[in-house]
Amino acid sequence: WEMLSRLLAAAFAIEASMETRRNLVIGCVGDGAGLEFLTWLQELDLPNPEAALMDPDSVDFPERGDRLYAALSAVAGAVASDPTPDRWLAGWRVLEKAASQSPD
């Protein structure tokens, strides 16, 4: 699951196709868990990590902890895929915005 988290963060960062994401999920965790996870993932309606990095104030983060974790993991993956100093600082601004919006 940890590897899948990293792979999906990278896939979201490069806007990989849904078919590519599906292959990554099923390849990492198998058919049963993978299909269940993909259903959960489709229902998340998460903010675009690149949009969040460009303007953290324009993003409304999910209130549910599992969805917030997924959104922030995608942002971290986007920063890790292109770790410039500006993106690193933008990533911290995103975390600050998420923390102020969902303090629990």
N, C-alpha and C. Protein backbone atom coordinates (compact mmCIF):
# COMPACT_ATOMS: atom_id res chain seq x y z
N TRP A 1 0.82 -1.19 0.00
CA TRP A 1 0.00 0.00 0.00
C TRP A 1 0.87 1.26 0.00
N GLU A 2 2.01 1.20 0.69
CA GLU A 2 2.89 2.36 0.70
C GLU A 2 3.42 2.65 -0.70
N MET A 3 3.83 1.60 -1.40
CA MET A 3 4.31 1.78 -2.77
C MET A 3 3.19 2.30 -3.67
N LEU A 4 1.99 1.76 -3.48
CA LEU A 4 0.85 2.23 -4.27
C LEU A 4 0.60 3.71 -4.03
N SER A 5 0.70 4.14 -2.79
CA SER A 5 0.50 5.55 -2.47
C SER A 5 1.49 6.42 -3.25
N ARG A 6 2.72 6.00 -3.30
CA ARG A 6 3.74 6.76 -4.02
C ARG A 6 3.49 6.75 -5.53
N LEU A 7 3.14 5.58 -6.04
CA LEU A 7 2.88 5.47 -7.48
C LEU A 7 1.67 6.31 -7.89
N LEU A 8 0.62 6.27 -7.09
CA LEU A 8 -0.57 7.06 -7.44
C LEU A 8 -0.31 8.55 -7.33
N ALA A 9 0.47 8.96 -6.35
CA ALA A 9 0.81 10.37 -6.23
C ALA A 9 1.53 10.84 -7.50
N ALA A 10 2.46 10.03 -7.97
CA ALA A 10 3.17 10.37 -9.21
C ALA A 10 2.21 10.35 -10.40
N ALA A 11 1.32 9.36 -10.43
CA ALA A 11 0.36 9.26 -11.54
C ALA A 11 -0.56 10.48 -11.58
N PHE A 12 -1.02 10.92 -10.42
CA PHE A 12 -1.86 12.12 -10.37
C PHE A 12 -1.07 13.35 -10.78
N ALA A 13 0.18 13.42 -10.36
CA ALA A 13 1.01 14.58 -10.68
C ALA A 13 1.22 14.74 -12.18
N ILE A 14 1.33 13.62 -12.89
CA ILE A 14 1.53 13.71 -14.34
C ILE A 14 0.22 13.55 -15.11
N GLU A 15 -0.89 13.52 -14.37
CA GLU A 15 -2.22 13.37 -14.96
C GLU A 15 -2.31 12.13 -15.85
N ALA A 16 -1.82 11.01 -15.30
CA ALA A 16 -1.88 9.73 -16.01
C ALA A 16 -3.34 9.33 -16.23
N SER A 17 -3.57 8.54 -17.25
CA SER A 17 -4.93 8.11 -17.57
C SER A 17 -5.50 7.23 -16.47
N MET A 18 -6.82 7.11 -16.45
CA MET A 18 -7.48 6.25 -15.47
C MET A 18 -7.06 4.79 -15.68
N GLU A 19 -6.84 4.40 -16.92
CA GLU A 19 -6.39 3.03 -17.19
C GLU A 19 -5.02 2.77 -16.56
N THR A 20 -4.13 3.74 -16.66
CA THR A 20 -2.81 3.60 -16.05
C THR A 20 -2.93 3.50 -14.54
N ARG A 21 -3.76 4.35 -13.94
CA ARG A 21 -3.96 4.30 -12.49
C ARG A 21 -4.54 2.96 -12.06
N ARG A 22 -5.50 2.46 -12.85
CA ARG A 22 -6.12 1.16 -12.56
C ARG A 22 -5.06 0.05 -12.58
N ASN A 23 -4.20 0.08 -13.59
CA ASN A 23 -3.14 -0.93 -13.69
C ASN A 23 -2.17 -0.85 -12.52
N LEU A 24 -1.85 0.34 -12.09
CA LEU A 24 -0.96 0.50 -10.93
C LEU A 24 -1.59 -0.08 -9.67
N VAL A 25 -2.87 0.23 -9.47
CA VAL A 25 -3.56 -0.24 -8.27
C VAL A 25 -3.64 -1.76 -8.25
N ILE A 26 -4.14 -2.34 -9.31
CA ILE A 26 -4.32 -3.79 -9.34
C ILE A 26 -2.97 -4.50 -9.33
N GLY A 27 -1.98 -3.91 -9.97
CA GLY A 27 -0.64 -4.50 -9.95
C GLY A 27 -0.02 -4.52 -8.56
N CYS A 28 -0.35 -3.52 -7.75
CA CYS A 28 0.23 -3.44 -6.40
C CYS A 28 -0.52 -4.25 -5.36
N VAL A 29 -1.87 -4.25 -5.42
CA VAL A 29 -2.63 -4.86 -4.33
C VAL A 29 -3.57 -5.98 -4.76
N GLY A 30 -3.62 -6.29 -6.04
CA GLY A 30 -4.47 -7.38 -6.52
C GLY A 30 -5.85 -6.92 -6.93
N ASP A 31 -6.61 -7.86 -7.53
CA ASP A 31 -7.92 -7.53 -8.10
C ASP A 31 -8.95 -7.10 -7.05
N GLY A 32 -9.15 -7.92 -6.03
CA GLY A 32 -10.22 -7.65 -5.05
C GLY A 32 -10.05 -6.33 -4.34
N ALA A 33 -8.93 -6.19 -3.66
CA ALA A 33 -8.66 -4.94 -2.93
C ALA A 33 -8.51 -3.77 -3.90
N GLY A 34 -7.93 -4.06 -5.06
CA GLY A 34 -7.72 -3.00 -6.04
C GLY A 34 -9.01 -2.42 -6.56
N LEU A 35 -9.97 -3.28 -6.91
CA LEU A 35 -11.25 -2.79 -7.42
C LEU A 35 -12.02 -2.03 -6.35
N GLU A 36 -11.96 -2.51 -5.13
CA GLU A 36 -12.62 -1.80 -4.02
C GLU A 36 -11.98 -0.43 -3.81
N PHE A 37 -10.66 -0.39 -3.86
CA PHE A 37 -9.94 0.87 -3.70
C PHE A 37 -10.25 1.83 -4.84
N LEU A 38 -10.32 1.33 -6.06
CA LEU A 38 -10.63 2.19 -7.21
C LEU A 38 -12.02 2.81 -7.09
N THR A 39 -12.97 2.05 -6.58
CA THR A 39 -14.31 2.59 -6.35
C THR A 39 -14.24 3.71 -5.33
N TRP A 40 -13.53 3.48 -4.24
CA TRP A 40 -13.36 4.51 -3.21
C TRP A 40 -12.68 5.74 -3.80
N LEU A 41 -11.65 5.51 -4.62
CA LEU A 41 -10.89 6.60 -5.21
C LEU A 41 -11.75 7.45 -6.14
N GLN A 42 -12.61 6.80 -6.92
CA GLN A 42 -13.47 7.54 -7.84
C GLN A 42 -14.44 8.44 -7.10
N GLU A 43 -14.85 8.05 -5.92
CA GLU A 43 -15.83 8.82 -5.17
C GLU A 43 -15.20 9.93 -4.32
N LEU A 44 -13.89 10.05 -4.37
CA LEU A 44 -13.21 11.04 -3.53
C LEU A 44 -13.43 12.48 -3.97
N ASP A 45 -13.38 12.73 -5.27
CA ASP A 45 -13.50 14.08 -5.80
C ASP A 45 -12.46 14.99 -5.13
N LEU A 46 -11.19 14.63 -5.31
CA LEU A 46 -10.09 15.36 -4.67
C LEU A 46 -9.64 16.56 -5.50
N PRO A 47 -9.07 17.57 -4.83
CA PRO A 47 -8.52 18.70 -5.58
C PRO A 47 -7.28 18.28 -6.37
N ASN A 48 -7.05 18.95 -7.46
CA ASN A 48 -5.87 18.70 -8.29
C ASN A 48 -4.64 19.14 -7.51
N PRO A 49 -3.64 18.26 -7.33
CA PRO A 49 -2.47 18.64 -6.54
C PRO A 49 -1.68 19.80 -7.13
N GLU A 50 -1.61 19.87 -8.46
CA GLU A 50 -0.88 20.98 -9.08
C GLU A 50 -1.61 22.30 -8.86
N ALA A 51 -2.94 22.28 -8.93
CA ALA A 51 -3.72 23.50 -8.66
C ALA A 51 -3.53 23.93 -7.21
N ALA A 52 -3.48 22.96 -6.30
CA ALA A 52 -3.26 23.28 -4.89
C ALA A 52 -1.90 23.91 -4.68
N LEU A 53 -0.89 23.42 -5.38
CA LEU A 53 0.46 23.99 -5.24
C LEU A 53 0.52 25.41 -5.81
N MET A 54 -0.21 25.64 -6.89
CA MET A 54 -0.19 26.96 -7.52
C MET A 54 -0.93 28.02 -6.69
N ASP A 55 -2.03 27.61 -6.06
CA ASP A 55 -2.83 28.56 -5.28
C ASP A 55 -3.54 27.83 -4.14
N PRO A 56 -2.85 27.61 -3.02
CA PRO A 56 -3.46 26.87 -1.91
C PRO A 56 -4.75 27.48 -1.39
N ASP A 57 -4.88 28.80 -1.48
CA ASP A 57 -6.08 29.46 -0.95
C ASP A 57 -7.33 29.18 -1.78
N SER A 58 -7.14 28.73 -3.02
CA SER A 58 -8.30 28.47 -3.88
C SER A 58 -8.87 27.07 -3.69
N VAL A 59 -8.22 26.26 -2.87
CA VAL A 59 -8.61 24.86 -2.73
C VAL A 59 -9.41 24.65 -1.45
N ASP A 60 -10.51 23.94 -1.58
CA ASP A 60 -11.27 23.48 -0.41
C ASP A 60 -10.93 22.02 -0.19
N PHE A 61 -10.27 21.73 0.90
CA PHE A 61 -9.86 20.36 1.18
C PHE A 61 -11.01 19.58 1.78
N PRO A 62 -11.02 18.26 1.55
CA PRO A 62 -12.08 17.42 2.12
C PRO A 62 -12.03 17.44 3.64
N GLU A 63 -13.19 17.28 4.27
CA GLU A 63 -13.24 17.26 5.73
C GLU A 63 -12.93 15.89 6.29
N ARG A 64 -13.31 14.84 5.58
CA ARG A 64 -13.04 13.49 6.07
C ARG A 64 -11.54 13.22 6.07
N GLY A 65 -11.07 12.60 7.13
CA GLY A 65 -9.65 12.33 7.28
C GLY A 65 -9.05 11.49 6.18
N ASP A 66 -9.76 10.45 5.72
CA ASP A 66 -9.21 9.59 4.67
C ASP A 66 -9.07 10.35 3.36
N ARG A 67 -10.03 11.21 3.08
CA ARG A 67 -9.96 12.00 1.85
C ARG A 67 -8.89 13.09 1.94
N LEU A 68 -8.76 13.69 3.10
CA LEU A 68 -7.73 14.70 3.29
C LEU A 68 -6.35 14.08 3.15
N TYR A 69 -6.17 12.89 3.73
CA TYR A 69 -4.90 12.18 3.61
C TYR A 69 -4.57 11.92 2.15
N ALA A 70 -5.55 11.47 1.38
CA ALA A 70 -5.34 11.19 -0.04
C ALA A 70 -4.96 12.46 -0.79
N ALA A 71 -5.63 13.56 -0.49
CA ALA A 71 -5.34 14.82 -1.17
C ALA A 71 -3.93 15.30 -0.85
N LEU A 72 -3.56 15.23 0.42
CA LEU A 72 -2.22 15.70 0.81
C LEU A 72 -1.13 14.76 0.33
N SER A 73 -1.42 13.48 0.24
CA SER A 73 -0.45 12.53 -0.33
C SER A 73 -0.19 12.85 -1.79
N ALA A 74 -1.24 13.22 -2.50
CA ALA A 74 -1.09 13.58 -3.91
C ALA A 74 -0.23 14.85 -4.05
N VAL A 75 -0.43 15.80 -3.16
CA VAL A 75 0.38 17.03 -3.19
C VAL A 75 1.84 16.69 -2.89
N ALA A 76 2.08 15.86 -1.88
CA ALA A 76 3.45 15.46 -1.55
C ALA A 76 4.10 14.74 -2.72
N GLY A 77 3.36 13.88 -3.38
CA GLY A 77 3.88 13.17 -4.55
C GLY A 77 4.20 14.11 -5.69
N ALA A 78 3.37 15.13 -5.87
CA ALA A 78 3.62 16.11 -6.92
C ALA A 78 4.90 16.88 -6.64
N VAL A 79 5.10 17.26 -5.39
CA VAL A 79 6.33 17.97 -5.02
C VAL A 79 7.54 17.05 -5.20
N ALA A 80 7.41 15.80 -4.77
CA ALA A 80 8.52 14.85 -4.88
C ALA A 80 8.89 14.56 -6.33
N SER A 81 7.92 14.65 -7.23
CA SER A 81 8.21 14.36 -8.63
C SER A 81 8.98 15.49 -9.31
N ASP A 82 8.94 16.68 -8.73
CA ASP A 82 9.68 17.84 -9.26
C ASP A 82 10.05 18.74 -8.08
N PRO A 83 11.08 18.32 -7.31
CA PRO A 83 11.37 18.96 -6.02
C PRO A 83 12.18 20.25 -6.09
N THR A 84 11.62 21.27 -6.71
CA THR A 84 12.31 22.56 -6.73
C THR A 84 12.06 23.28 -5.40
N PRO A 85 12.91 24.23 -5.05
CA PRO A 85 12.69 24.98 -3.81
C PRO A 85 11.31 25.67 -3.77
N ASP A 86 10.87 26.23 -4.89
CA ASP A 86 9.57 26.89 -4.91
C ASP A 86 8.43 25.91 -4.67
N ARG A 87 8.52 24.72 -5.26
CA ARG A 87 7.47 23.72 -5.07
C ARG A 87 7.50 23.19 -3.64
N TRP A 88 8.68 23.07 -3.07
CA TRP A 88 8.80 22.63 -1.68
C TRP A 88 8.07 23.61 -0.76
N LEU A 89 8.33 24.90 -0.95
CA LEU A 89 7.65 25.92 -0.13
C LEU A 89 6.15 25.93 -0.40
N ALA A 90 5.76 25.76 -1.65
CA ALA A 90 4.33 25.71 -1.98
C ALA A 90 3.67 24.52 -1.29
N GLY A 91 4.37 23.40 -1.23
CA GLY A 91 3.84 22.22 -0.54
C GLY A 91 3.58 22.51 0.93
N TRP A 92 4.48 23.24 1.56
CA TRP A 92 4.27 23.60 2.97
C TRP A 92 3.09 24.55 3.12
N ARG A 93 2.91 25.45 2.15
CA ARG A 93 1.75 26.35 2.21
C ARG A 93 0.45 25.57 2.09
N VAL A 94 0.45 24.53 1.25
CA VAL A 94 -0.73 23.68 1.11
C VAL A 94 -1.03 22.99 2.45
N LEU A 95 0.01 22.45 3.08
CA LEU A 95 -0.18 21.79 4.38
C LEU A 95 -0.71 22.77 5.43
N GLU A 96 -0.18 23.99 5.41
CA GLU A 96 -0.65 25.01 6.35
C GLU A 96 -2.14 25.31 6.12
N LYS A 97 -2.53 25.45 4.86
CA LYS A 97 -3.94 25.71 4.53
C LYS A 97 -4.82 24.55 4.98
N ALA A 98 -4.38 23.32 4.72
CA ALA A 98 -5.17 22.15 5.11
C ALA A 98 -5.30 22.06 6.63
N ALA A 99 -4.22 22.36 7.34
CA ALA A 99 -4.26 22.30 8.80
C ALA A 99 -5.18 23.37 9.38
N SER A 100 -5.18 24.55 8.79
CA SER A 100 -6.05 25.61 9.30
C SER A 100 -7.52 25.34 8.97
N GLN A 101 -7.75 24.62 7.89
CA GLN A 101 -9.12 24.30 7.48
C GLN A 101 -9.67 23.10 8.25
N SER A 102 -8.79 22.16 8.61
CA SER A 102 -9.21 20.93 9.30
C SER A 102 -8.27 20.68 10.47
N PRO A 103 -8.40 21.42 11.56
CA PRO A 103 -7.43 21.33 12.66
C PRO A 103 -7.40 19.98 13.37
N ASP A 104 -8.44 19.16 13.23
CA ASP A 104 -8.44 17.87 13.92
C ASP A 104 -7.69 16.87 13.11
